[in-house]
């Protein structure tokens, strides 16, 4: 959070009823291999569990992987909970099967970035490095 020292800390989570986590594990490994600390929460996490984990782990960002079609509801709830818990400085990004038309409203709600199928692990790592834990005005 903020300008903390040490590696960037990212919680990678699978909210909702998704039972497929291969992509989330690939992203978690890519972030870890890039020198970040990654906390993978596993399948079937509630937004409350995800936010609790991010706060307890002093995370800089939360990466959500959603394939179920519930992205509008789940992203919104995570953002809402972060605001309620005074942790809105934890950036939220995500990916999965998300229609292009849904991306602008998600960003308006506070989701920092959305990666759709075909995004490379390198592009995700580069985005996290460039956008997470940046001082105001940077």
N, C-alpha and C. Protein backbone atom coordinates (compact mmCIF):
# COMPACT_ATOMS: atom_id res chain seq x y z
N UNK A 1 0.84 -1.17 0.00
CA UNK A 1 0.00 0.00 0.00
C UNK A 1 0.89 1.24 0.00
N UNK A 2 0.47 2.26 -0.68
CA UNK A 2 1.23 3.49 -0.67
C UNK A 2 2.62 3.34 -1.25
N UNK A 3 3.62 3.78 -0.48
CA UNK A 3 5.01 3.74 -0.96
C UNK A 3 5.84 2.79 -0.11
N UNK A 4 5.26 1.70 0.30
CA UNK A 4 5.95 0.73 1.15
C UNK A 4 7.18 0.17 0.45
N UNK A 5 8.14 -0.24 1.28
CA UNK A 5 9.35 -0.85 0.75
C UNK A 5 9.11 -2.34 0.51
N UNK A 6 10.03 -2.96 -0.19
CA UNK A 6 9.92 -4.40 -0.44
C UNK A 6 9.16 -4.69 -1.71
N UNK A 7 9.02 -5.98 -1.98
CA UNK A 7 8.35 -6.37 -3.22
C UNK A 7 6.86 -6.01 -3.21
N UNK A 8 6.33 -5.81 -4.39
CA UNK A 8 4.88 -5.60 -4.54
C UNK A 8 4.18 -6.87 -4.08
N UNK A 9 3.13 -6.70 -3.28
CA UNK A 9 2.35 -7.83 -2.75
C UNK A 9 0.99 -7.86 -3.45
N UNK A 10 0.67 -9.01 -4.05
CA UNK A 10 -0.56 -9.16 -4.82
C UNK A 10 -1.34 -10.36 -4.32
N UNK A 11 -2.61 -10.15 -4.01
CA UNK A 11 -3.53 -11.25 -3.72
C UNK A 11 -4.18 -11.63 -5.04
N UNK A 12 -4.07 -12.87 -5.43
CA UNK A 12 -4.73 -13.40 -6.63
C UNK A 12 -5.89 -14.25 -6.14
N UNK A 13 -7.09 -13.95 -6.64
CA UNK A 13 -8.27 -14.60 -6.10
C UNK A 13 -9.24 -15.04 -7.18
N UNK A 14 -9.98 -16.09 -6.87
CA UNK A 14 -11.05 -16.62 -7.71
C UNK A 14 -12.37 -16.46 -6.96
N UNK A 15 -13.06 -15.33 -7.18
CA UNK A 15 -14.32 -15.13 -6.46
C UNK A 15 -15.47 -15.91 -7.08
N UNK A 16 -16.45 -16.18 -6.26
CA UNK A 16 -17.67 -16.79 -6.78
C UNK A 16 -17.57 -18.27 -7.01
N UNK A 17 -18.34 -18.73 -7.97
CA UNK A 17 -18.52 -20.16 -8.18
C UNK A 17 -17.60 -20.77 -9.23
N UNK A 18 -16.69 -19.97 -9.77
CA UNK A 18 -15.77 -20.52 -10.77
C UNK A 18 -15.03 -21.73 -10.22
N UNK A 19 -14.91 -22.76 -11.02
CA UNK A 19 -14.18 -23.94 -10.60
C UNK A 19 -12.90 -24.15 -11.40
N UNK A 20 -12.55 -23.19 -12.23
CA UNK A 20 -11.40 -23.32 -13.12
C UNK A 20 -10.39 -22.25 -12.74
N UNK A 21 -9.21 -22.66 -12.23
CA UNK A 21 -8.24 -21.68 -11.76
C UNK A 21 -6.89 -21.75 -12.44
N UNK A 22 -6.82 -22.43 -13.57
CA UNK A 22 -5.53 -22.55 -14.25
C UNK A 22 -4.95 -21.18 -14.61
N UNK A 23 -5.78 -20.30 -15.17
CA UNK A 23 -5.29 -18.97 -15.55
C UNK A 23 -4.81 -18.17 -14.35
N UNK A 24 -5.55 -18.25 -13.25
CA UNK A 24 -5.15 -17.54 -12.04
C UNK A 24 -3.80 -18.04 -11.54
N UNK A 25 -3.61 -19.35 -11.61
CA UNK A 25 -2.33 -19.92 -11.16
C UNK A 25 -1.18 -19.51 -12.09
N UNK A 26 -1.45 -19.41 -13.38
CA UNK A 26 -0.43 -18.97 -14.33
C UNK A 26 -0.03 -17.53 -14.02
N UNK A 27 -1.01 -16.68 -13.78
CA UNK A 27 -0.72 -15.28 -13.45
C UNK A 27 0.02 -15.19 -12.12
N UNK A 28 -0.42 -15.94 -11.12
CA UNK A 28 0.25 -15.93 -9.82
C UNK A 28 1.72 -16.32 -9.98
N UNK A 29 1.99 -17.34 -10.76
CA UNK A 29 3.37 -17.78 -10.97
C UNK A 29 4.18 -16.72 -11.72
N UNK A 30 3.58 -16.09 -12.72
CA UNK A 30 4.29 -15.06 -13.49
C UNK A 30 4.65 -13.88 -12.59
N UNK A 31 3.71 -13.47 -11.74
CA UNK A 31 3.99 -12.36 -10.83
C UNK A 31 5.08 -12.75 -9.83
N UNK A 32 4.99 -13.97 -9.32
CA UNK A 32 6.01 -14.45 -8.38
C UNK A 32 7.38 -14.51 -9.05
N UNK A 33 7.43 -15.04 -10.26
CA UNK A 33 8.70 -15.15 -10.98
C UNK A 33 9.29 -13.78 -11.31
N UNK A 34 8.42 -12.76 -11.34
CA UNK A 34 8.87 -11.38 -11.59
C UNK A 34 9.31 -10.69 -10.30
N UNK A 35 9.33 -11.42 -9.19
CA UNK A 35 9.84 -10.87 -7.95
C UNK A 35 8.79 -10.32 -6.99
N UNK A 36 7.53 -10.52 -7.32
CA UNK A 36 6.47 -10.04 -6.44
C UNK A 36 6.09 -11.12 -5.44
N UNK A 37 5.54 -10.69 -4.32
CA UNK A 37 5.00 -11.64 -3.35
C UNK A 37 3.55 -11.87 -3.71
N UNK A 38 3.16 -13.12 -3.86
CA UNK A 38 1.81 -13.46 -4.31
C UNK A 38 1.14 -14.34 -3.27
N UNK A 39 -0.09 -13.98 -2.94
CA UNK A 39 -0.91 -14.78 -2.05
C UNK A 39 -2.08 -15.26 -2.89
N UNK A 40 -2.15 -16.57 -3.14
CA UNK A 40 -3.25 -17.12 -3.92
C UNK A 40 -4.29 -17.68 -2.95
N UNK A 41 -5.53 -17.21 -3.08
CA UNK A 41 -6.56 -17.57 -2.12
C UNK A 41 -7.28 -18.88 -2.42
N UNK A 42 -7.14 -19.39 -3.63
CA UNK A 42 -7.87 -20.61 -3.99
C UNK A 42 -9.24 -20.31 -4.56
N UNK A 43 -9.97 -21.37 -4.82
CA UNK A 43 -11.28 -21.28 -5.46
C UNK A 43 -12.38 -20.86 -4.49
N UNK A 44 -13.46 -20.37 -5.07
CA UNK A 44 -14.74 -20.14 -4.37
C UNK A 44 -14.64 -19.15 -3.22
N UNK A 45 -13.92 -18.07 -3.43
CA UNK A 45 -13.77 -17.07 -2.38
C UNK A 45 -14.89 -16.03 -2.48
N UNK A 46 -15.36 -15.58 -1.34
CA UNK A 46 -16.32 -14.48 -1.32
C UNK A 46 -15.56 -13.17 -1.40
N UNK A 47 -16.22 -12.11 -1.85
CA UNK A 47 -15.54 -10.81 -1.83
C UNK A 47 -15.05 -10.45 -0.43
N UNK A 48 -15.81 -10.80 0.60
CA UNK A 48 -15.39 -10.52 1.97
C UNK A 48 -14.09 -11.24 2.32
N UNK A 49 -13.99 -12.50 1.93
CA UNK A 49 -12.76 -13.26 2.20
C UNK A 49 -11.57 -12.65 1.47
N UNK A 50 -11.80 -12.23 0.24
CA UNK A 50 -10.72 -11.66 -0.57
C UNK A 50 -10.22 -10.36 0.05
N UNK A 51 -11.14 -9.49 0.42
CA UNK A 51 -10.75 -8.21 1.01
C UNK A 51 -10.08 -8.44 2.37
N UNK A 52 -10.62 -9.35 3.17
CA UNK A 52 -9.98 -9.66 4.45
C UNK A 52 -8.54 -10.12 4.24
N UNK A 53 -8.33 -11.00 3.28
CA UNK A 53 -6.98 -11.50 2.99
C UNK A 53 -6.07 -10.35 2.55
N UNK A 54 -6.55 -9.51 1.66
CA UNK A 54 -5.73 -8.41 1.16
C UNK A 54 -5.31 -7.48 2.29
N UNK A 55 -6.21 -7.19 3.19
CA UNK A 55 -5.88 -6.30 4.32
C UNK A 55 -4.93 -7.00 5.28
N UNK A 56 -5.22 -8.25 5.61
CA UNK A 56 -4.36 -8.99 6.54
C UNK A 56 -2.95 -9.17 5.99
N UNK A 57 -2.84 -9.33 4.70
CA UNK A 57 -1.54 -9.57 4.07
C UNK A 57 -0.85 -8.27 3.65
N UNK A 58 -1.45 -7.13 3.95
CA UNK A 58 -0.90 -5.83 3.58
C UNK A 58 -0.61 -5.77 2.08
N UNK A 59 -1.58 -6.21 1.29
CA UNK A 59 -1.41 -6.29 -0.16
C UNK A 59 -1.44 -4.91 -0.80
N UNK A 60 -0.73 -4.79 -1.90
CA UNK A 60 -0.75 -3.58 -2.71
C UNK A 60 -1.84 -3.66 -3.78
N UNK A 61 -2.20 -4.88 -4.17
CA UNK A 61 -3.17 -5.07 -5.25
C UNK A 61 -3.90 -6.40 -5.07
N UNK A 62 -5.07 -6.46 -5.70
CA UNK A 62 -5.85 -7.69 -5.79
C UNK A 62 -6.07 -7.97 -7.27
N UNK A 63 -5.73 -9.17 -7.69
CA UNK A 63 -6.00 -9.61 -9.05
C UNK A 63 -7.12 -10.63 -9.01
N UNK A 64 -8.23 -10.31 -9.65
CA UNK A 64 -9.38 -11.21 -9.67
C UNK A 64 -9.49 -11.91 -11.02
N UNK A 65 -9.75 -13.20 -10.98
CA UNK A 65 -9.96 -13.99 -12.19
C UNK A 65 -11.40 -14.48 -12.17
N UNK A 66 -12.17 -14.06 -13.18
CA UNK A 66 -13.59 -14.42 -13.21
C UNK A 66 -13.96 -14.95 -14.59
N UNK A 67 -14.50 -16.15 -14.59
CA UNK A 67 -14.95 -16.78 -15.83
C UNK A 67 -16.46 -17.00 -15.85
N UNK A 68 -17.11 -16.80 -14.72
CA UNK A 68 -18.50 -17.21 -14.56
C UNK A 68 -19.53 -16.25 -15.14
N UNK A 69 -19.11 -15.05 -15.50
CA UNK A 69 -20.06 -14.05 -15.96
C UNK A 69 -20.56 -13.15 -14.84
N UNK A 70 -20.09 -13.36 -13.63
CA UNK A 70 -20.53 -12.56 -12.49
C UNK A 70 -19.57 -11.41 -12.20
N UNK A 71 -18.79 -11.01 -13.19
CA UNK A 71 -17.76 -9.99 -12.99
C UNK A 71 -18.34 -8.66 -12.53
N UNK A 72 -19.46 -8.23 -13.08
CA UNK A 72 -20.02 -6.93 -12.68
C UNK A 72 -20.35 -6.91 -11.19
N UNK A 73 -20.97 -7.95 -10.71
CA UNK A 73 -21.35 -8.03 -9.30
C UNK A 73 -20.14 -8.21 -8.41
N UNK A 74 -19.24 -9.13 -8.75
CA UNK A 74 -18.12 -9.47 -7.87
C UNK A 74 -17.07 -8.36 -7.81
N UNK A 75 -16.72 -7.79 -8.95
CA UNK A 75 -15.77 -6.67 -8.92
C UNK A 75 -16.33 -5.52 -8.09
N UNK A 76 -17.61 -5.18 -8.32
CA UNK A 76 -18.23 -4.07 -7.60
C UNK A 76 -18.21 -4.30 -6.10
N UNK A 77 -18.49 -5.53 -5.68
CA UNK A 77 -18.52 -5.82 -4.24
C UNK A 77 -17.13 -5.71 -3.62
N UNK A 78 -16.10 -6.19 -4.31
CA UNK A 78 -14.74 -6.07 -3.79
C UNK A 78 -14.36 -4.60 -3.65
N UNK A 79 -14.64 -3.79 -4.65
CA UNK A 79 -14.34 -2.35 -4.60
C UNK A 79 -15.10 -1.70 -3.45
N UNK A 80 -16.37 -2.04 -3.31
CA UNK A 80 -17.20 -1.48 -2.24
C UNK A 80 -16.62 -1.83 -0.87
N UNK A 81 -16.24 -3.08 -0.67
CA UNK A 81 -15.69 -3.51 0.61
C UNK A 81 -14.36 -2.82 0.91
N UNK A 82 -13.52 -2.65 -0.10
CA UNK A 82 -12.25 -1.95 0.12
C UNK A 82 -12.51 -0.51 0.59
N UNK A 83 -13.48 0.13 -0.02
CA UNK A 83 -13.82 1.51 0.39
C UNK A 83 -14.35 1.52 1.82
N UNK A 84 -15.24 0.59 2.13
CA UNK A 84 -15.81 0.52 3.48
C UNK A 84 -14.75 0.28 4.54
N UNK A 85 -13.72 -0.45 4.19
CA UNK A 85 -12.67 -0.82 5.15
C UNK A 85 -11.48 0.13 5.10
N UNK A 86 -11.64 1.28 4.46
CA UNK A 86 -10.57 2.28 4.32
C UNK A 86 -9.32 1.67 3.70
N UNK A 87 -9.53 0.85 2.70
CA UNK A 87 -8.41 0.20 2.01
C UNK A 87 -8.50 0.40 0.50
N UNK A 88 -9.07 1.52 0.10
CA UNK A 88 -9.24 1.80 -1.33
C UNK A 88 -7.91 2.02 -2.05
N UNK A 89 -6.80 2.12 -1.29
CA UNK A 89 -5.49 2.25 -1.92
C UNK A 89 -4.99 0.91 -2.46
N UNK A 90 -5.68 -0.18 -2.13
CA UNK A 90 -5.35 -1.48 -2.71
C UNK A 90 -5.99 -1.51 -4.09
N UNK A 91 -5.15 -1.56 -5.11
CA UNK A 91 -5.66 -1.55 -6.48
C UNK A 91 -6.25 -2.89 -6.85
N UNK A 92 -7.31 -2.85 -7.64
CA UNK A 92 -7.97 -4.06 -8.12
C UNK A 92 -7.82 -4.13 -9.63
N UNK A 93 -7.33 -5.26 -10.09
CA UNK A 93 -7.27 -5.53 -11.53
C UNK A 93 -7.80 -6.94 -11.74
N UNK A 94 -8.10 -7.27 -12.96
CA UNK A 94 -8.65 -8.60 -13.16
C UNK A 94 -8.63 -9.04 -14.59
N UNK A 95 -9.13 -10.24 -14.76
CA UNK A 95 -9.20 -10.81 -16.08
C UNK A 95 -10.14 -11.97 -16.11
N UNK A 96 -10.29 -12.49 -17.30
CA UNK A 96 -11.18 -13.62 -17.50
C UNK A 96 -12.04 -13.39 -18.71
N UNK A 97 -13.20 -14.00 -18.69
CA UNK A 97 -14.14 -13.88 -19.80
C UNK A 97 -15.04 -12.68 -19.49
N UNK A 98 -14.61 -11.52 -19.96
CA UNK A 98 -15.31 -10.28 -19.68
C UNK A 98 -15.57 -9.57 -21.02
N UNK A 99 -16.83 -9.39 -21.36
CA UNK A 99 -17.14 -8.73 -22.64
C UNK A 99 -16.57 -7.31 -22.69
N UNK A 100 -16.12 -6.91 -23.87
CA UNK A 100 -15.54 -5.58 -24.06
C UNK A 100 -16.48 -4.48 -23.58
N UNK A 101 -17.79 -4.66 -23.79
CA UNK A 101 -18.77 -3.64 -23.39
C UNK A 101 -18.83 -3.45 -21.88
N UNK A 102 -18.42 -4.46 -21.12
CA UNK A 102 -18.47 -4.36 -19.66
C UNK A 102 -17.22 -3.70 -19.07
N UNK A 103 -16.17 -3.55 -19.85
CA UNK A 103 -14.91 -3.03 -19.31
C UNK A 103 -15.00 -1.56 -18.90
N UNK A 104 -15.54 -0.65 -19.74
CA UNK A 104 -15.61 0.75 -19.29
C UNK A 104 -16.40 0.95 -17.99
N UNK A 105 -17.58 0.32 -17.83
CA UNK A 105 -18.27 0.49 -16.54
C UNK A 105 -17.48 -0.06 -15.35
N UNK A 106 -16.76 -1.16 -15.55
CA UNK A 106 -15.94 -1.70 -14.46
C UNK A 106 -14.84 -0.71 -14.08
N UNK A 107 -14.22 -0.10 -15.06
CA UNK A 107 -13.18 0.88 -14.78
C UNK A 107 -13.76 2.11 -14.09
N UNK A 108 -14.97 2.52 -14.48
CA UNK A 108 -15.62 3.65 -13.83
C UNK A 108 -15.89 3.36 -12.35
N UNK A 109 -16.14 2.10 -12.02
CA UNK A 109 -16.39 1.70 -10.64
C UNK A 109 -15.11 1.67 -9.81
N UNK A 110 -13.96 1.63 -10.48
CA UNK A 110 -12.70 1.63 -9.74
C UNK A 110 -11.77 0.48 -10.05
N UNK A 111 -12.14 -0.40 -10.97
CA UNK A 111 -11.23 -1.47 -11.37
C UNK A 111 -10.13 -0.82 -12.22
N UNK A 112 -8.89 -1.02 -11.82
CA UNK A 112 -7.77 -0.33 -12.47
C UNK A 112 -7.49 -0.83 -13.88
N UNK A 113 -7.61 -2.14 -14.10
CA UNK A 113 -7.33 -2.70 -15.43
C UNK A 113 -8.02 -4.05 -15.57
N UNK A 114 -8.38 -4.37 -16.80
CA UNK A 114 -8.98 -5.66 -17.14
C UNK A 114 -8.15 -6.29 -18.25
N UNK A 115 -7.79 -7.55 -18.05
CA UNK A 115 -7.06 -8.31 -19.05
C UNK A 115 -7.98 -9.40 -19.59
N UNK A 116 -8.14 -9.42 -20.89
CA UNK A 116 -9.02 -10.40 -21.51
C UNK A 116 -8.20 -11.55 -22.09
N UNK A 117 -8.85 -12.63 -22.53
CA UNK A 117 -8.10 -13.75 -23.09
C UNK A 117 -7.14 -13.28 -24.18
N UNK A 118 -5.95 -13.82 -24.14
CA UNK A 118 -4.91 -13.45 -25.09
C UNK A 118 -3.89 -12.50 -24.51
N UNK A 119 -4.21 -11.88 -23.38
CA UNK A 119 -3.22 -11.01 -22.72
C UNK A 119 -2.03 -11.87 -22.30
N UNK A 120 -0.85 -11.37 -22.50
CA UNK A 120 0.34 -12.14 -22.14
C UNK A 120 0.67 -11.93 -20.67
N UNK A 121 1.35 -12.91 -20.10
CA UNK A 121 1.79 -12.76 -18.71
C UNK A 121 2.75 -11.57 -18.61
N UNK A 122 3.58 -11.38 -19.63
CA UNK A 122 4.52 -10.25 -19.61
C UNK A 122 3.78 -8.92 -19.56
N UNK A 123 2.67 -8.80 -20.30
CA UNK A 123 1.93 -7.53 -20.29
C UNK A 123 1.29 -7.29 -18.93
N UNK A 124 0.86 -8.35 -18.26
CA UNK A 124 0.26 -8.21 -16.93
C UNK A 124 1.33 -7.82 -15.91
N UNK A 125 2.47 -8.50 -15.96
CA UNK A 125 3.57 -8.17 -15.06
C UNK A 125 4.00 -6.72 -15.28
N UNK A 126 4.15 -6.32 -16.53
CA UNK A 126 4.57 -4.95 -16.84
C UNK A 126 3.55 -3.94 -16.31
N UNK A 127 2.25 -4.24 -16.47
CA UNK A 127 1.23 -3.33 -15.98
C UNK A 127 1.30 -3.20 -14.45
N UNK A 128 1.44 -4.32 -13.76
CA UNK A 128 1.51 -4.27 -12.29
C UNK A 128 2.73 -3.44 -11.87
N UNK A 129 3.86 -3.70 -12.47
CA UNK A 129 5.07 -2.94 -12.12
C UNK A 129 4.89 -1.44 -12.35
N UNK A 130 4.21 -1.08 -13.44
CA UNK A 130 4.06 0.33 -13.81
C UNK A 130 2.95 1.05 -13.04
N UNK A 131 1.98 0.29 -12.50
CA UNK A 131 0.79 0.95 -11.96
C UNK A 131 0.50 0.69 -10.49
N UNK A 132 1.12 -0.28 -9.90
CA UNK A 132 0.86 -0.58 -8.51
C UNK A 132 1.93 0.09 -7.65
N UNK A 133 1.48 0.69 -6.57
CA UNK A 133 2.35 1.35 -5.61
C UNK A 133 3.04 2.58 -6.18
N UNK A 134 2.36 3.30 -7.05
CA UNK A 134 2.91 4.53 -7.60
C UNK A 134 2.51 5.70 -6.73
N UNK A 135 3.44 6.54 -6.33
CA UNK A 135 3.08 7.72 -5.54
C UNK A 135 2.14 8.62 -6.32
N UNK A 136 1.34 9.37 -5.62
CA UNK A 136 0.41 10.31 -6.26
C UNK A 136 1.17 11.26 -7.17
N UNK A 137 0.65 11.46 -8.36
CA UNK A 137 1.28 12.38 -9.30
C UNK A 137 2.39 11.76 -10.13
N UNK A 138 2.70 10.48 -9.89
CA UNK A 138 3.79 9.84 -10.63
C UNK A 138 3.34 9.44 -12.01
